[in-house]
Amino acid sequence: MELKKSDFYFELPPELIAQDPLEDRSSSRLLVLDKETGEVSHHVFTDILDYLNPGDCLVLNNTKVIPARLLGVKEETGAHVEVLLLKRREGNVWETLVKPGRKCRPGTRLVFGEGLLLAEVLDTVEEGNRLIRFFYQGIWEEVLDRLGEMPLPPYITHRLQDRNRYQTVYARYEGSAAAPTAGLHFTKELLDRIEEKGVQTAYVTLHVGLGTFRPVKEENILDHHMHSEYYQVSKEAADKINAARQGGGRVICVGTTSCRTVESAADANGMVQPGSGSTEIFIYPGYRFKVLDALITNFHLPESTLVMLVSALAGREHVLNAYEDAIREKYRFFSFGDACLII
């Protein structure tokens, strides 16, 4: 059966795209979707406690977003340039996305923060990305923290007042160009209450690349080339997830990134193996989940790989009907938007 991109289209009023985070993270709304029946109910996020049982395992992605957006000028002409850090290749060499890219040929020198940070374009690689070597005094993280901005998704036009709001409260390992946004709804207090209920929490790491926002261009979705992302699963996390499965508990992933991590790290029997690597896993209807039982996620873009992933779990019709409900009820969409529990 051919799956077409247009099968995952829905009309979204632009005013439902959340531009700012809520004052209180856990006060967002929560739509609960029964993946078997398609039944929908409406809640607030703290009600998530009612849907978690002792013996379940909640899987969270503890990646940390780096302030990867650098605004600078070309040394020769003073023309403005924007550099987005995508992936560290080695030492001070990064794969980047440059705007405007056409004029940043190999040999071009860039200046940031009035000379605090200098750079040279080394090469053009796949998809027009640039390899850039950076030059600076002191500690890279401190320079980046001083000069960099959070790389907010293109559909967010408001300036972020507090950069911690594009970071989960459990963010730990730096490396993401985008936040695992389903985790933004959790507070430390809510996580404590979840653990008090007898629910295990397992932390995995997947560094989110900007490919997560790349549109599907091919009408036949099987022709879409999925982006690669680095992940790591500790022995402790694997043991917790596997113990929940063997004990009759459910594995509930927070976000599509946690989902892609555990599904990538699982063997043929659905046992999660500790280790690290790169994953290009593309989950769409017809996929058989090896580990995941339920998913906490945000509302995704029409025709995106993420709406295809949730459709693999709950069925395309159930998902599109639930999205229609969410639009009717004026839920907030995308990164700073409301949450959905598929159970």
C-alpha atoms as a PDB file:
ATOM      1  CA  MET A   1       0.000   0.000   0.000  1.00  0.00           C
ATOM      2  CA  GLU A   2       1.470   3.335  -1.047  1.00  0.00           C
ATOM      3  CA  LEU A   3       1.442   5.972   1.678  1.00  0.00           C
ATOM      4  CA  LYS A   4       1.108   9.477   0.312  1.00  0.00           C
ATOM      5  CA  LYS A   5       2.303  12.630   1.997  1.00  0.00           C
ATOM      6  CA  SER A   6      -1.090  14.214   1.339  1.00  0.00           C
ATOM      7  CA  ASP A   7      -2.729  11.478   3.466  1.00  0.00           C
ATOM      8  CA  PHE A   8      -1.299  13.302   6.492  1.00  0.00           C
ATOM      9  CA  TYR A   9      -2.472  16.806   5.607  1.00  0.00           C
ATOM     10  CA  PHE A  10      -4.796  18.849   7.807  1.00  0.00           C
ATOM     11  CA  GLU A  11      -5.739  22.520   7.836  1.00  0.00           C
ATOM     12  CA  LEU A  12      -4.260  24.375  10.815  1.00  0.00           C
ATOM     13  CA  PRO A  13      -5.305  27.965  11.586  1.00  0.00           C
ATOM     14  CA  PRO A  14      -2.022  29.923  12.030  1.00  0.00           C
ATOM     15  CA  GLU A  15      -3.271  31.536  15.259  1.00  0.00           C
ATOM     16  CA  LEU A  16      -3.133  28.113  16.972  1.00  0.00           C
ATOM     17  CA  ILE A  17       0.672  27.965  16.591  1.00  0.00           C
ATOM     18  CA  ALA A  18       1.952  28.702  20.114  1.00  0.00           C
ATOM     19  CA  GLN A  19       4.474  31.550  20.018  1.00  0.00           C
ATOM     20  CA  ASP A  20       5.362  31.701  23.715  1.00  0.00           C
ATOM     21  CA  PRO A  21       5.731  29.144  26.518  1.00  0.00           C
ATOM     22  CA  LEU A  22       3.126  29.148  29.294  1.00  0.00           C
ATOM     23  CA  GLU A  23       4.032  30.720  32.644  1.00  0.00           C
ATOM     24  CA  ASP A  24       3.595  27.354  34.388  1.00  0.00           C
ATOM     25  CA  ARG A  25       4.967  24.435  32.357  1.00  0.00           C
ATOM     26  CA  SER A  26       2.530  21.836  33.669  1.00  0.00           C
ATOM     27  CA  SER A  27      -0.614  23.953  33.188  1.00  0.00           C
ATOM     28  CA  SER A  28      -0.794  23.147  29.472  1.00  0.00           C
ATOM     29  CA  ARG A  29      -3.778  21.186  28.209  1.00  0.00           C
ATOM     30  CA  LEU A  30      -3.694  17.455  27.624  1.00  0.00           C
ATOM     31  CA  LEU A  31      -5.688  15.604  24.995  1.00  0.00           C
ATOM     32  CA  VAL A  32      -5.895  11.866  25.721  1.00  0.00           C
ATOM     33  CA  LEU A  33      -6.368   9.613  22.690  1.00  0.00           C
ATOM     34  CA  ASP A  34      -7.282   5.933  23.057  1.00  0.00           C
ATOM     35  CA  LYS A  35      -5.273   4.314  20.273  1.00  0.00           C
ATOM     36  CA  GLU A  36      -7.624   1.313  20.011  1.00  0.00           C
ATOM     37  CA  THR A  37     -11.007   3.092  19.919  1.00  0.00           C
ATOM     38  CA  GLY A  38     -10.031   6.605  18.801  1.00  0.00           C
ATOM     39  CA  GLU A  39     -11.906   8.050  21.780  1.00  0.00           C
ATOM     40  CA  VAL A  40     -10.709  11.506  22.860  1.00  0.00           C
ATOM     41  CA  SER A  41     -10.930  13.266  26.233  1.00  0.00           C
ATOM     42  CA  HIS A  42      -9.681  16.673  27.434  1.00  0.00           C
ATOM     43  CA  HIS A  43      -7.600  17.384  30.558  1.00  0.00           C
ATOM     44  CA  VAL A  44      -4.799  19.510  32.001  1.00  0.00           C
ATOM     45  CA  PHE A  45      -1.253  18.175  31.905  1.00  0.00           C
ATOM     46  CA  THR A  46      -0.979  17.379  35.628  1.00  0.00           C
ATOM     47  CA  ASP A  47      -3.767  14.811  35.073  1.00  0.00           C
ATOM     48  CA  ILE A  48      -1.063  12.677  33.438  1.00  0.00           C
ATOM     49  CA  LEU A  49      -0.644  11.172  36.920  1.00  0.00           C
ATOM     50  CA  ASP A  50      -4.048   9.482  36.575  1.00  0.00           C
ATOM     51  CA  TYR A  51      -2.853   7.598  33.494  1.00  0.00           C
ATOM     52  CA  LEU A  52       0.430   6.282  34.920  1.00  0.00           C
ATOM     53  CA  ASN A  53       0.458   3.107  36.997  1.00  0.00           C
ATOM     54  CA  PRO A  54       2.967   1.638  39.456  1.00  0.00           C
ATOM     55  CA  GLY A  55       5.333  -0.576  37.472  1.00  0.00           C
ATOM     56  CA  ASP A  56       5.180   1.597  34.344  1.00  0.00           C
ATOM     57  CA  CYS A  57       8.376   3.151  33.002  1.00  0.00           C
ATOM     58  CA  LEU A  58       8.440   6.734  31.740  1.00  0.00           C
ATOM     59  CA  VAL A  59      11.257   7.289  29.197  1.00  0.00           C
ATOM     60  CA  LEU A  60      12.604  10.858  28.898  1.00  0.00           C
ATOM     61  CA  ASN A  61      15.226  12.376  26.602  1.00  0.00           C
ATOM     62  CA  ASN A  62      17.781  14.341  28.661  1.00  0.00           C
ATOM     63  CA  THR A  63      19.494  16.074  25.754  1.00  0.00           C
ATOM     64  CA  LYS A  64      20.277  19.769  26.202  1.00  0.00           C
ATOM     65  CA  VAL A  65      19.792  22.391  23.495  1.00  0.00           C
ATOM     66  CA  ILE A  66      22.891  24.443  22.744  1.00  0.00           C
ATOM     67  CA  PRO A  67      22.520  28.149  21.860  1.00  0.00           C
ATOM     68  CA  ALA A  68      23.370  27.122  18.312  1.00  0.00           C
ATOM     69  CA  ARG A  69      22.311  30.252  16.388  1.00  0.00           C
ATOM     70  CA  LEU A  70      25.171  32.666  15.762  1.00  0.00           C
ATOM     71  CA  LEU A  71      24.701  36.078  14.141  1.00  0.00           C
ATOM     72  CA  GLY A  72      27.795  37.582  12.575  1.00  0.00           C
ATOM     73  CA  VAL A  73      29.307  39.327   9.560  1.00  0.00           C
ATOM     74  CA  LYS A  74      31.606  38.429   6.690  1.00  0.00           C
ATOM     75  CA  GLU A  75      35.091  39.770   7.423  1.00  0.00           C
ATOM     76  CA  GLU A  76      35.607  41.134   3.890  1.00  0.00           C
ATOM     77  CA  THR A  77      32.293  42.869   3.241  1.00  0.00           C
ATOM     78  CA  GLY A  78      30.580  43.263   6.626  1.00  0.00           C
ATOM     79  CA  ALA A  79      27.488  41.544   5.171  1.00  0.00           C
ATOM     80  CA  HIS A  80      25.279  39.924   7.798  1.00  0.00           C
ATOM     81  CA  VAL A  81      25.332  36.160   8.102  1.00  0.00           C
ATOM     82  CA  GLU A  82      23.540  33.617  10.292  1.00  0.00           C
ATOM     83  CA  VAL A  83      25.171  30.307  11.246  1.00  0.00           C
ATOM     84  CA  LEU A  84      23.309  27.398  12.818  1.00  0.00           C
ATOM     85  CA  LEU A  85      25.482  24.726  14.471  1.00  0.00           C
ATOM     86  CA  LEU A  86      24.222  21.283  13.478  1.00  0.00           C
ATOM     87  CA  LYS A  87      26.876  18.742  14.415  1.00  0.00           C
ATOM     88  CA  ARG A  88      30.376  18.818  15.844  1.00  0.00           C
ATOM     89  CA  ARG A  89      32.652  16.942  13.434  1.00  0.00           C
ATOM     90  CA  GLU A  90      35.987  17.149  15.285  1.00  0.00           C
ATOM     91  CA  GLY A  91      37.644  19.671  17.585  1.00  0.00           C
ATOM     92  CA  ASN A  92      36.483  23.118  16.508  1.00  0.00           C
ATOM     93  CA  VAL A  93      35.049  22.009  13.157  1.00  0.00           C
ATOM     94  CA  TRP A  94      31.250  22.008  12.933  1.00  0.00           C
ATOM     95  CA  GLU A  95      28.749  21.107  10.258  1.00  0.00           C
ATOM     96  CA  THR A  96      26.494  24.143   9.965  1.00  0.00           C
ATOM     97  CA  LEU A  97      23.608  25.691   8.105  1.00  0.00           C
ATOM     98  CA  VAL A  98      24.525  29.146   6.802  1.00  0.00           C
ATOM     99  CA  LYS A  99      22.206  31.911   5.620  1.00  0.00           C
ATOM    100  CA  PRO A 100      22.714  33.285   3.046  1.00  0.00           C
ATOM    101  CA  GLY A 101      24.706  30.211   2.071  1.00  0.00           C
ATOM    102  CA  ARG A 102      25.468  30.882  -1.586  1.00  0.00           C
ATOM    103  CA  LYS A 103      27.992  33.596  -0.822  1.00  0.00           C
ATOM    104  CA  CYS A 104      29.790  31.680   1.936  1.00  0.00           C
ATOM    105  CA  ARG A 105      32.207  29.694  -0.205  1.00  0.00           C
ATOM    106  CA  PRO A 106      35.244  27.823   1.169  1.00  0.00           C
ATOM    107  CA  GLY A 107      37.807  30.368   2.383  1.00  0.00           C
ATOM    108  CA  THR A 108      35.189  32.916   3.546  1.00  0.00           C
ATOM    109  CA  ARG A 109      36.043  34.293   6.990  1.00  0.00           C
ATOM    110  CA  LEU A 110      33.324  35.227   9.498  1.00  0.00           C
ATOM    111  CA  VAL A 111      33.328  37.438  12.614  1.00  0.00           C
ATOM    112  CA  PHE A 112      30.997  37.100  15.633  1.00  0.00           C
ATOM    113  CA  GLY A 113      30.689  39.267  18.751  1.00  0.00           C
ATOM    114  CA  GLU A 114      33.089  41.934  17.408  1.00  0.00           C
ATOM    115  CA  GLY A 115      35.908  39.392  17.161  1.00  0.00           C
ATOM    116  CA  LEU A 116      35.264  37.251  20.254  1.00  0.00           C
ATOM    117  CA  LEU A 117      34.670  34.399  17.831  1.00  0.00           C
ATOM    118  CA  LEU A 118      36.153  33.993  14.347  1.00  0.00           C
ATOM    119  CA  ALA A 119      35.434  31.324  11.757  1.00  0.00           C
ATOM    120  CA  GLU A 120      36.495  30.076   8.344  1.00  0.00           C
ATOM    121  CA  VAL A 121      34.324  28.154   5.879  1.00  0.00           C
ATOM    122  CA  LEU A 122      36.224  24.962   4.946  1.00  0.00           C
ATOM    123  CA  ASP A 123      33.911  23.069   2.630  1.00  0.00           C
ATOM    124  CA  THR A 124      30.388  22.550   1.296  1.00  0.00           C
ATOM    125  CA  VAL A 125      28.895  19.155   2.190  1.00  0.00           C
ATOM    126  CA  GLU A 126      25.571  17.386   1.566  1.00  0.00           C
ATOM    127  CA  GLU A 127      22.390  19.452   1.336  1.00  0.00           C
ATOM    128  CA  GLY A 128      24.458  22.616   1.025  1.00  0.00           C
ATOM    129  CA  ASN A 129      25.616  22.549   4.664  1.00  0.00           C
ATOM    130  CA  ARG A 130      28.991  24.169   5.394  1.00  0.00           C
ATOM    131  CA  LEU A 131      31.928  22.826   7.375  1.00  0.00           C
ATOM    132  CA  ILE A 132      33.268  25.686   9.482  1.00  0.00           C
ATOM    133  CA  ARG A 133      36.317  25.917  11.747  1.00  0.00           C
ATOM    134  CA  PHE A 134      35.982  28.291  14.731  1.00  0.00           C
ATOM    135  CA  PHE A 135      38.776  30.263  16.434  1.00  0.00           C
ATOM    136  CA  TYR A 136      38.474  31.759  19.942  1.00  0.00           C
ATOM    137  CA  GLN A 137      40.189  32.335  23.281  1.00  0.00           C
ATOM    138  CA  GLY A 138      38.978  30.535  26.410  1.00  0.00           C
ATOM    139  CA  ILE A 139      36.272  27.884  26.776  1.00  0.00           C
ATOM    140  CA  TRP A 140      34.025  27.069  23.800  1.00  0.00           C
ATOM    141  CA  GLU A 141      30.876  26.574  25.906  1.00  0.00           C
ATOM    142  CA  GLU A 142      31.322  29.960  27.582  1.00  0.00           C
ATOM    143  CA  VAL A 143      31.885  31.745  24.253  1.00  0.00           C
ATOM    144  CA  LEU A 144      28.815  30.044  22.775  1.00  0.00           C
ATOM    145  CA  ASP A 145      26.728  30.822  25.857  1.00  0.00           C
ATOM    146  CA  ARG A 146      27.666  34.490  25.525  1.00  0.00           C
ATOM    147  CA  LEU A 147      27.136  34.897  21.768  1.00  0.00           C
ATOM    148  CA  GLY A 148      24.669  32.183  20.768  1.00  0.00           C
ATOM    149  CA  GLU A 149      20.879  32.304  20.672  1.00  0.00           C
ATOM    150  CA  MET A 150      18.429  29.438  21.016  1.00  0.00           C
ATOM    151  CA  PRO A 151      17.666  27.976  17.569  1.00  0.00           C
ATOM    152  CA  LEU A 152      13.888  28.255  17.736  1.00  0.00           C
ATOM    153  CA  PRO A 153      11.860  26.519  15.002  1.00  0.00           C
ATOM    154  CA  PRO A 154      11.014  28.638  11.933  1.00  0.00           C
ATOM    155  CA  TYR A 155       7.313  28.877  12.847  1.00  0.00           C
ATOM    156  CA  ILE A 156       8.094  30.692  16.139  1.00  0.00           C
ATOM    157  CA  THR A 157       8.495  34.390  15.380  1.00  0.00           C
ATOM    158  CA  HIS A 158       8.479  35.802  18.941  1.00  0.00           C
ATOM    159  CA  ARG A 159      11.786  36.337  20.710  1.00  0.00           C
ATOM    160  CA  LEU A 160      12.316  33.997  23.674  1.00  0.00           C
ATOM    161  CA  GLN A 161      12.642  35.976  26.927  1.00  0.00           C
ATOM    162  CA  ASP A 162      14.091  33.153  29.038  1.00  0.00           C
ATOM    163  CA  ARG A 163      16.211  30.612  27.148  1.00  0.00           C
ATOM    164  CA  ASN A 164      15.625  27.998  29.877  1.00  0.00           C
ATOM    165  CA  ARG A 165      12.026  27.755  28.693  1.00  0.00           C
ATOM    166  CA  TYR A 166      13.260  25.989  25.545  1.00  0.00           C
ATOM    167  CA  GLN A 167      14.983  23.450  27.786  1.00  0.00           C
ATOM    168  CA  THR A 168      13.469  20.580  29.789  1.00  0.00           C
ATOM    169  CA  VAL A 169      13.985  20.717  33.569  1.00  0.00           C
ATOM    170  CA  TYR A 170      16.015  17.470  33.277  1.00  0.00           C
ATOM    171  CA  ALA A 171      18.199  18.537  30.312  1.00  0.00           C
ATOM    172  CA  ARG A 172      21.717  17.294  30.948  1.00  0.00           C
ATOM    173  CA  TYR A 173      23.870  16.471  27.916  1.00  0.00           C
ATOM    174  CA  GLU A 174      24.531  19.265  25.410  1.00  0.00           C
ATOM    175  CA  GLY A 175      24.146  18.559  21.725  1.00  0.00           C
ATOM    176  CA  SER A 176      20.684  19.367  20.391  1.00  0.00           C
ATOM    177  CA  ALA A 177      19.719  21.960  17.792  1.00  0.00           C
ATOM    178  CA  ALA A 178      16.067  21.667  18.917  1.00  0.00           C
ATOM    179  CA  ALA A 179      14.310  20.787  22.167  1.00  0.00           C
ATOM    180  CA  PRO A 180      12.528  17.473  22.777  1.00  0.00           C
ATOM    181  CA  THR A 181       9.396  19.543  23.293  1.00  0.00           C
ATOM    182  CA  ALA A 182       7.055  16.947  24.841  1.00  0.00           C
ATOM    183  CA  GLY A 183       9.305  17.151  27.910  1.00  0.00           C
ATOM    184  CA  LEU A 184       8.747  20.891  28.334  1.00  0.00           C
ATOM    185  CA  HIS A 185       5.481  20.196  30.203  1.00  0.00           C
ATOM    186  CA  PHE A 186       7.199  18.481  33.153  1.00  0.00           C
ATOM    187  CA  THR A 187       8.223  20.266  36.355  1.00  0.00           C
ATOM    188  CA  LYS A 188      10.507  18.791  39.004  1.00  0.00           C
ATOM    189  CA  GLU A 189       7.493  18.594  41.355  1.00  0.00           C
ATOM    190  CA  LEU A 190       5.444  16.620  38.834  1.00  0.00           C
ATOM    191  CA  LEU A 191       8.339  14.214  38.203  1.00  0.00           C
ATOM    192  CA  ASP A 192       8.668  13.692  41.985  1.00  0.00           C
ATOM    193  CA  ARG A 193       4.948  12.876  42.223  1.00  0.00           C
ATOM    194  CA  ILE A 194       5.257  10.429  39.339  1.00  0.00           C
ATOM    195  CA  GLU A 195       8.122   8.601  41.061  1.00  0.00           C
ATOM    196  CA  GLU A 196       6.229   8.600  44.378  1.00  0.00           C
ATOM    197  CA  LYS A 197       3.428   6.759  42.589  1.00  0.00           C
ATOM    198  CA  GLY A 198       5.820   3.881  41.831  1.00  0.00           C
ATOM    199  CA  VAL A 199       6.517   4.791  38.207  1.00  0.00           C
ATOM    200  CA  GLN A 200      10.137   4.332  37.100  1.00  0.00           C
ATOM    201  CA  THR A 201      11.816   7.102  35.111  1.00  0.00           C
ATOM    202  CA  ALA A 202      14.489   6.132  32.594  1.00  0.00           C
ATOM    203  CA  TYR A 203      16.625   8.808  30.922  1.00  0.00           C
ATOM    204  CA  VAL A 204      17.987   8.269  27.420  1.00  0.00           C
ATOM    205  CA  THR A 205      19.802  10.754  25.164  1.00  0.00           C
ATOM    206  CA  LEU A 206      19.047  11.637  21.560  1.00  0.00           C
ATOM    207  CA  HIS A 207      20.546  14.830  20.182  1.00  0.00           C
ATOM    208  CA  VAL A 208      17.801  16.389  18.085  1.00  0.00           C
ATOM    209  CA  GLY A 209      18.920  17.656  14.692  1.00  0.00           C
ATOM    210  CA  LEU A 210      17.241  20.333  12.604  1.00  0.00           C
ATOM    211  CA  GLY A 211      16.216  17.553  10.228  1.00  0.00           C
ATOM    212  CA  THR A 212      13.269  17.143  12.577  1.00  0.00           C
ATOM    213  CA  PHE A 213      11.794  20.271  10.890  1.00  0.00           C
ATOM    214  CA  ARG A 214      12.715  19.221   7.355  1.00  0.00           C
ATOM    215  CA  PRO A 215       9.553  18.880   5.285  1.00  0.00           C
ATOM    216  CA  VAL A 216       8.714  15.657   3.475  1.00  0.00           C
ATOM    217  CA  LYS A 217       9.049  16.644  -0.188  1.00  0.00           C
ATOM    218  CA  GLU A 218       8.258  13.330  -1.920  1.00  0.00           C
ATOM    219  CA  GLU A 219       4.586  12.425  -2.394  1.00  0.00           C
ATOM    220  CA  ASN A 220       5.390   8.740  -1.773  1.00  0.00           C
ATOM    221  CA  ILE A 221       6.679   8.945   1.809  1.00  0.00           C
ATOM    222  CA  LEU A 222       8.873   5.858   1.343  1.00  0.00           C
ATOM    223  CA  ASP A 223      11.093   8.003  -0.894  1.00  0.00           C
ATOM    224  CA  HIS A 224      11.810  10.390   1.992  1.00  0.00           C
ATOM    225  CA  HIS A 225      15.389  10.240   3.277  1.00  0.00           C
ATOM    226  CA  MET A 226      15.341  10.385   7.084  1.00  0.00           C
ATOM    227  CA  HIS A 227      17.951  12.483   8.904  1.00  0.00           C
ATOM    228  CA  SER A 228      20.521  10.822  11.179  1.00  0.00           C
ATOM    229  CA  GLU A 229      20.717  11.583  14.910  1.00  0.00           C
ATOM    230  CA  TYR A 230      23.099  10.429  17.663  1.00  0.00           C
ATOM    231  CA  TYR A 231      21.612   8.501  20.598  1.00  0.00           C
ATOM    232  CA  GLN A 232      22.869   6.871  23.780  1.00  0.00           C
ATOM    233  CA  VAL A 233      21.174   4.439  26.172  1.00  0.00           C
ATOM    234  CA  SER A 234      22.850   3.681  29.515  1.00  0.00           C
ATOM    235  CA  LYS A 235      22.732   0.229  31.112  1.00  0.00           C
ATOM    236  CA  GLU A 236      20.645   1.707  33.948  1.00  0.00           C
ATOM    237  CA  ALA A 237      18.024   3.044  31.525  1.00  0.00           C
ATOM    238  CA  ALA A 238      17.928  -0.201  29.498  1.00  0.00           C
ATOM    239  CA  ASP A 239      17.519  -2.243  32.703  1.00  0.00           C
ATOM    240  CA  LYS A 240      14.612  -0.085  33.915  1.00  0.00           C
ATOM    241  CA  ILE A 241      12.792  -0.267  30.573  1.00  0.00           C
ATOM    242  CA  ASN A 242      13.308  -4.019  30.220  1.00  0.00           C
ATOM    243  CA  ALA A 243      12.258  -4.648  33.845  1.00  0.00           C
ATOM    244  CA  ALA A 244       9.000  -2.755  33.280  1.00  0.00           C
ATOM    245  CA  ARG A 245       8.225  -4.816  30.174  1.00  0.00           C
ATOM    246  CA  GLN A 246       9.028  -8.110  31.899  1.00  0.00           C
ATOM    247  CA  GLY A 247       7.024  -7.112  34.979  1.00  0.00           C
ATOM    248  CA  GLY A 248       3.877  -6.347  32.996  1.00  0.00           C
ATOM    249  CA  GLY A 249       4.280  -2.559  33.151  1.00  0.00           C
ATOM    250  CA  ARG A 250       4.042  -0.245  30.175  1.00  0.00           C
ATOM    251  CA  VAL A 251       6.812   1.732  28.494  1.00  0.00           C
ATOM    252  CA  ILE A 252       5.566   5.307  28.034  1.00  0.00           C
ATOM    253  CA  CYS A 253       7.877   7.518  25.979  1.00  0.00           C
ATOM    254  CA  VAL A 254       7.953  11.266  26.459  1.00  0.00           C
ATOM    255  CA  GLY A 255       8.315  12.613  22.941  1.00  0.00           C
ATOM    256  CA  THR A 256       9.015  11.169  19.523  1.00  0.00           C
ATOM    257  CA  THR A 257      12.779  11.409  20.196  1.00  0.00           C
ATOM    258  CA  SER A 258      12.555   9.025  23.189  1.00  0.00           C
ATOM    259  CA  CYS A 259      10.366   6.761  21.071  1.00  0.00           C
ATOM    260  CA  ARG A 260      12.891   6.699  18.216  1.00  0.00           C
ATOM    261  CA  THR A 261      15.705   6.026  20.697  1.00  0.00           C
ATOM    262  CA  VAL A 262      14.175   2.964  22.382  1.00  0.00           C
ATOM    263  CA  GLU A 263      12.921   1.544  19.084  1.00  0.00           C
ATOM    264  CA  SER A 264      16.417   1.969  17.586  1.00  0.00           C
ATOM    265  CA  ALA A 265      18.133   0.403  20.594  1.00  0.00           C
ATOM    266  CA  ALA A 266      15.820  -2.645  20.816  1.00  0.00           C
ATOM    267  CA  ASP A 267      16.712  -6.120  19.569  1.00  0.00           C
ATOM    268  CA  ALA A 268      14.336  -8.422  17.695  1.00  0.00           C
ATOM    269  CA  ASN A 269      12.737  -9.529  20.992  1.00  0.00           C
ATOM    270  CA  GLY A 270      12.011  -5.960  22.095  1.00  0.00           C
ATOM    271  CA  MET A 271      14.792  -5.893  24.692  1.00  0.00           C
ATOM    272  CA  VAL A 272      16.541  -2.514  24.836  1.00  0.00           C
ATOM    273  CA  GLN A 273      20.307  -2.834  24.526  1.00  0.00           C
ATOM    274  CA  PRO A 274      22.627  -0.296  26.172  1.00  0.00           C
ATOM    275  CA  GLY A 275      24.989   1.533  23.838  1.00  0.00           C
ATOM    276  CA  SER A 276      25.220   4.451  21.459  1.00  0.00           C
ATOM    277  CA  GLY A 277      25.037   5.045  17.751  1.00  0.00           C
ATOM    278  CA  SER A 278      23.264   6.936  15.003  1.00  0.00           C
ATOM    279  CA  THR A 279      19.675   6.291  14.023  1.00  0.00           C
ATOM    280  CA  GLU A 280      17.794   7.094  10.831  1.00  0.00           C
ATOM    281  CA  ILE A 281      14.685   5.180  11.914  1.00  0.00           C
ATOM    282  CA  PHE A 282      11.553   6.338  10.074  1.00  0.00           C
ATOM    283  CA  ILE A 283       8.336   5.245  11.782  1.00  0.00           C
ATOM    284  CA  TYR A 284       5.139   5.397   9.721  1.00  0.00           C
ATOM    285  CA  PRO A 285       1.870   3.403   9.587  1.00  0.00           C
ATOM    286  CA  GLY A 286       2.552  -0.309   9.287  1.00  0.00           C
ATOM    287  CA  TYR A 287       5.501  -0.153  11.706  1.00  0.00           C
ATOM    288  CA  ARG A 288       5.331  -2.679  14.572  1.00  0.00           C
ATOM    289  CA  PHE A 289       6.504  -1.128  17.832  1.00  0.00           C
ATOM    290  CA  LYS A 290       8.996  -3.314  19.687  1.00  0.00           C
ATOM    291  CA  VAL A 291       9.126  -1.431  23.008  1.00  0.00           C
ATOM    292  CA  LEU A 292       6.767   1.514  23.245  1.00  0.00           C
ATOM    293  CA  ASP A 293       3.227   1.090  24.613  1.00  0.00           C
ATOM    294  CA  ALA A 294       2.143   4.726  24.970  1.00  0.00           C
ATOM    295  CA  LEU A 295       3.405   8.153  23.972  1.00  0.00           C
ATOM    296  CA  ILE A 296       3.272  11.671  25.418  1.00  0.00           C
ATOM    297  CA  THR A 297       3.822  14.133  22.588  1.00  0.00           C
ATOM    298  CA  ASN A 298       2.911  17.580  21.279  1.00  0.00           C
ATOM    299  CA  PHE A 299       0.774  18.372  18.225  1.00  0.00           C
ATOM    300  CA  HIS A 300       2.811  18.134  15.037  1.00  0.00           C
ATOM    301  CA  LEU A 301       3.021  19.814  11.634  1.00  0.00           C
ATOM    302  CA  PRO A 302       0.800  18.610   8.780  1.00  0.00           C
ATOM    303  CA  GLU A 303       2.557  16.111   6.472  1.00  0.00           C
ATOM    304  CA  SER A 304       5.563  15.831   8.842  1.00  0.00           C
ATOM    305  CA  THR A 305       7.443  12.629   9.737  1.00  0.00           C
ATOM    306  CA  LEU A 306       6.253  13.189  13.326  1.00  0.00           C
ATOM    307  CA  VAL A 307       2.552  13.098  12.460  1.00  0.00           C
ATOM    308  CA  MET A 308       3.363   9.900  10.510  1.00  0.00           C
ATOM    309  CA  LEU A 309       4.990   8.431  13.640  1.00  0.00           C
ATOM    310  CA  VAL A 310       1.956   9.096  15.859  1.00  0.00           C
ATOM    311  CA  SER A 311      -0.263   7.678  13.092  1.00  0.00           C
ATOM    312  CA  ALA A 312       1.790   4.475  13.224  1.00  0.00           C
ATOM    313  CA  LEU A 313       0.843   4.184  16.896  1.00  0.00           C
ATOM    314  CA  ALA A 314      -2.825   5.201  16.894  1.00  0.00           C
ATOM    315  CA  GLY A 315      -3.890   4.905  13.253  1.00  0.00           C
ATOM    316  CA  ARG A 316      -4.062   7.761  10.751  1.00  0.00           C
ATOM    317  CA  GLU A 317      -7.827   8.276  11.008  1.00  0.00           C
ATOM    318  CA  HIS A 318      -7.813   8.316  14.816  1.00  0.00           C
ATOM    319  CA  VAL A 319      -4.961  10.846  14.822  1.00  0.00           C
ATOM    320  CA  LEU A 320      -6.508  13.163  12.228  1.00  0.00           C
ATOM    321  CA  ASN A 321      -9.882  13.011  14.042  1.00  0.00           C
ATOM    322  CA  ALA A 322      -8.147  13.861  17.335  1.00  0.00           C
ATOM    323  CA  TYR A 323      -6.343  16.764  15.645  1.00  0.00           C
ATOM    324  CA  GLU A 324      -9.678  18.029  14.305  1.00  0.00           C
ATOM    325  CA  ASP A 325     -10.986  17.935  17.880  1.00  0.00           C
ATOM    326  CA  ALA A 326      -7.902  19.789  19.127  1.00  0.00           C
ATOM    327  CA  ILE A 327      -8.357  22.498  16.485  1.00  0.00           C
ATOM    328  CA  ARG A 328     -12.035  22.841  17.349  1.00  0.00           C
ATOM    329  CA  GLU A 329     -11.141  23.149  21.054  1.00  0.00           C
ATOM    330  CA  LYS A 330      -8.388  25.670  20.207  1.00  0.00           C
ATOM    331  CA  TYR A 331      -5.458  23.664  21.553  1.00  0.00           C
ATOM    332  CA  ARG A 332      -2.052  25.297  21.117  1.00  0.00           C
ATOM    333  CA  PHE A 333       0.136  23.571  18.503  1.00  0.00           C
ATOM    334  CA  PHE A 334       3.829  22.716  17.974  1.00  0.00           C
ATOM    335  CA  SER A 335       6.894  23.317  20.196  1.00  0.00           C
ATOM    336  CA  PHE A 336       5.386  25.590  22.885  1.00  0.00           C
ATOM    337  CA  GLY A 337       1.928  24.080  22.489  1.00  0.00           C
ATOM    338  CA  ASP A 338      -0.250  21.646  24.412  1.00  0.00           C
ATOM    339  CA  ALA A 339       0.249  17.913  24.886  1.00  0.00           C
ATOM    340  CA  CYS A 340      -1.318  14.703  23.678  1.00  0.00           C
ATOM    341  CA  LEU A 341      -1.213  11.323  25.408  1.00  0.00           C
ATOM    342  CA  ILE A 342      -1.711   8.345  23.096  1.00  0.00           C
ATOM    343  CA  ILE A 343      -2.489   5.347  25.247  1.00  0.00           C
END
